[in-house]
C-alpha cells in the first residue's frame, strides 16, 4: 500500500527578490512508511541524528524518480549502482 506525503521546502533566508516566496510544496507517494524508515536508519548509527531525515528523505525521493525513469539514458547507467548501494544499506 503506498504512503502519501506532502513535502515542503522553504527557504530560511530573508533576502528573497520581491514577488518570490522561496517555497515549493508537492505530494509524493512511496511504498515505504518514511517515518519508520527514518527510525531504522537512525538505529544503524551510520549518520549523525541531525542528518537522518535529510538522508532518508533525499534517498527515497530520488530513488522513486529514478525508478520511474530508469530507461532514460541519464538514469539507466546509475540504476545498477544505486541498487548495489541500497542492498548494502539494507544489510547494515
C-alpha atoms as a PDB file:
ATOM      1  CA  UNK A   1       0.000   0.000   0.000  1.00  0.00           C
ATOM      2  CA  UNK A   2       1.549   3.335  -0.983  1.00  0.00           C
ATOM      3  CA  UNK A   3       2.027   6.040   1.607  1.00  0.00           C
ATOM      4  CA  UNK A   4       1.348   9.651   0.646  1.00  0.00           C
ATOM      5  CA  UNK A   5       3.384  12.628   1.889  1.00  0.00           C
ATOM      6  CA  UNK A   6       3.407  16.368   1.367  1.00  0.00           C
ATOM      7  CA  UNK A   7       6.954  17.673   1.072  1.00  0.00           C
ATOM      8  CA  UNK A   8       7.555  21.367   1.668  1.00  0.00           C
ATOM      9  CA  UNK A   9      10.837  23.134   1.064  1.00  0.00           C
ATOM     10  CA  UNK A  10      11.033  26.652   2.403  1.00  0.00           C
ATOM     11  CA  UNK A  11      13.982  28.995   2.135  1.00  0.00           C
ATOM     12  CA  UNK A  12      15.172  30.231   5.529  1.00  0.00           C
ATOM     13  CA  UNK A  13      16.806  33.376   4.175  1.00  0.00           C
ATOM     14  CA  UNK A  14      15.026  36.719   4.265  1.00  0.00           C
ATOM     15  CA  UNK A  15      16.912  38.022   1.202  1.00  0.00           C
ATOM     16  CA  UNK A  16      14.433  36.878  -1.456  1.00  0.00           C
ATOM     17  CA  UNK A  17      13.729  39.001  -4.526  1.00  0.00           C
ATOM     18  CA  UNK A  18      10.388  40.808  -4.434  1.00  0.00           C
ATOM     19  CA  UNK A  19       7.489  38.604  -5.504  1.00  0.00           C
ATOM     20  CA  UNK A  20       9.142  35.308  -4.610  1.00  0.00           C
ATOM     21  CA  UNK A  21       8.051  33.354  -1.572  1.00  0.00           C
ATOM     22  CA  UNK A  22      11.001  30.937  -1.576  1.00  0.00           C
ATOM     23  CA  UNK A  23       8.967  27.779  -1.080  1.00  0.00           C
ATOM     24  CA  UNK A  24       7.735  24.772  -3.000  1.00  0.00           C
ATOM     25  CA  UNK A  25       5.386  22.032  -1.885  1.00  0.00           C
ATOM     26  CA  UNK A  26       4.439  18.781  -3.603  1.00  0.00           C
ATOM     27  CA  UNK A  27       2.811  15.441  -2.855  1.00  0.00           C
ATOM     28  CA  UNK A  28       4.667  12.159  -3.305  1.00  0.00           C
ATOM     29  CA  UNK A  29       3.825   8.533  -2.740  1.00  0.00           C
ATOM     30  CA  UNK A  30       6.223   5.870  -1.589  1.00  0.00           C
ATOM     31  CA  UNK A  31       5.871   2.167  -0.881  1.00  0.00           C
ATOM     32  CA  UNK A  32       7.825   2.659   2.366  1.00  0.00           C
ATOM     33  CA  UNK A  33       6.494   4.315   5.504  1.00  0.00           C
ATOM     34  CA  UNK A  34       9.164   7.004   5.699  1.00  0.00           C
ATOM     35  CA  UNK A  35       8.932   7.773   9.414  1.00  0.00           C
ATOM     36  CA  UNK A  36       9.510   4.114  10.277  1.00  0.00           C
ATOM     37  CA  UNK A  37      12.356   4.015   7.785  1.00  0.00           C
ATOM     38  CA  UNK A  38      13.955   7.068   9.436  1.00  0.00           C
ATOM     39  CA  UNK A  39      13.871   5.245  12.772  1.00  0.00           C
ATOM     40  CA  UNK A  40      15.576   2.227  11.187  1.00  0.00           C
ATOM     41  CA  UNK A  41      18.273   4.385   9.592  1.00  0.00           C
ATOM     42  CA  UNK A  42      18.815   6.194  12.907  1.00  0.00           C
ATOM     43  CA  UNK A  43      19.215   2.855  14.683  1.00  0.00           C
ATOM     44  CA  UNK A  44      22.095   1.931  12.346  1.00  0.00           C
ATOM     45  CA  UNK A  45      24.184   4.749  13.775  1.00  0.00           C
ATOM     46  CA  UNK A  46      25.805   5.489  10.417  1.00  0.00           C
ATOM     47  CA  UNK A  47      24.816   9.173  10.382  1.00  0.00           C
ATOM     48  CA  UNK A  48      24.552  11.980  12.910  1.00  0.00           C
ATOM     49  CA  UNK A  49      20.989  12.233  14.224  1.00  0.00           C
ATOM     50  CA  UNK A  50      20.506  15.614  12.527  1.00  0.00           C
ATOM     51  CA  UNK A  51      21.165  14.087   9.089  1.00  0.00           C
ATOM     52  CA  UNK A  52      18.890  11.026   9.261  1.00  0.00           C
ATOM     53  CA  UNK A  53      15.714  12.726   7.980  1.00  0.00           C
ATOM     54  CA  UNK A  54      17.655  14.585   5.277  1.00  0.00           C
ATOM     55  CA  UNK A  55      19.365  11.409   4.047  1.00  0.00           C
ATOM     56  CA  UNK A  56      16.310   9.157   4.219  1.00  0.00           C
ATOM     57  CA  UNK A  57      14.006  11.646   2.543  1.00  0.00           C
ATOM     58  CA  UNK A  58      16.543  12.503  -0.146  1.00  0.00           C
ATOM     59  CA  UNK A  59      17.322   8.887  -0.993  1.00  0.00           C
ATOM     60  CA  UNK A  60      13.656   7.902  -1.153  1.00  0.00           C
ATOM     61  CA  UNK A  61      12.627  10.926  -3.258  1.00  0.00           C
ATOM     62  CA  UNK A  62      15.498  10.369  -5.671  1.00  0.00           C
ATOM     63  CA  UNK A  63      15.014   6.615  -5.930  1.00  0.00           C
ATOM     64  CA  UNK A  64      11.314   6.898  -6.792  1.00  0.00           C
ATOM     65  CA  UNK A  65      12.023   9.330  -9.648  1.00  0.00           C
ATOM     66  CA  UNK A  66      14.993   7.274 -10.843  1.00  0.00           C
ATOM     67  CA  UNK A  67      12.932   4.074 -10.958  1.00  0.00           C
ATOM     68  CA  UNK A  68      10.110   5.747 -12.897  1.00  0.00           C
ATOM     69  CA  UNK A  69      12.657   6.913 -15.496  1.00  0.00           C
ATOM     70  CA  UNK A  70      15.117   4.015 -15.332  1.00  0.00           C
ATOM     71  CA  UNK A  71      15.103   3.570 -19.124  1.00  0.00           C
ATOM     72  CA  UNK A  72      16.205   7.163 -19.737  1.00  0.00           C
ATOM     73  CA  UNK A  73      19.927   7.362 -20.554  1.00  0.00           C
ATOM     74  CA  UNK A  74      20.540   9.771 -17.655  1.00  0.00           C
ATOM     75  CA  UNK A  75      19.336   7.205 -15.115  1.00  0.00           C
ATOM     76  CA  UNK A  76      19.965   3.864 -16.880  1.00  0.00           C
ATOM     77  CA  UNK A  77      23.682   3.859 -16.075  1.00  0.00           C
ATOM     78  CA  UNK A  78      23.035   4.715 -12.430  1.00  0.00           C
ATOM     79  CA  UNK A  79      20.337   2.115 -11.679  1.00  0.00           C
ATOM     80  CA  UNK A  80      22.650  -0.884 -11.060  1.00  0.00           C
ATOM     81  CA  UNK A  81      24.990   1.162  -8.839  1.00  0.00           C
ATOM     82  CA  UNK A  82      22.126   2.619  -6.849  1.00  0.00           C
ATOM     83  CA  UNK A  83      20.696  -0.880  -6.446  1.00  0.00           C
ATOM     84  CA  UNK A  84      24.019  -2.047  -5.003  1.00  0.00           C
ATOM     85  CA  UNK A  85      24.088   0.919  -2.637  1.00  0.00           C
ATOM     86  CA  UNK A  86      20.564   0.175  -1.380  1.00  0.00           C
ATOM     87  CA  UNK A  87      21.412  -3.502  -0.848  1.00  0.00           C
ATOM     88  CA  UNK A  88      24.471  -2.554   1.217  1.00  0.00           C
ATOM     89  CA  UNK A  89      22.399  -0.099   3.224  1.00  0.00           C
ATOM     90  CA  UNK A  90      19.703  -2.675   3.935  1.00  0.00           C
ATOM     91  CA  UNK A  91      22.318  -5.237   5.056  1.00  0.00           C
ATOM     92  CA  UNK A  92      23.606  -2.860   7.744  1.00  0.00           C
END
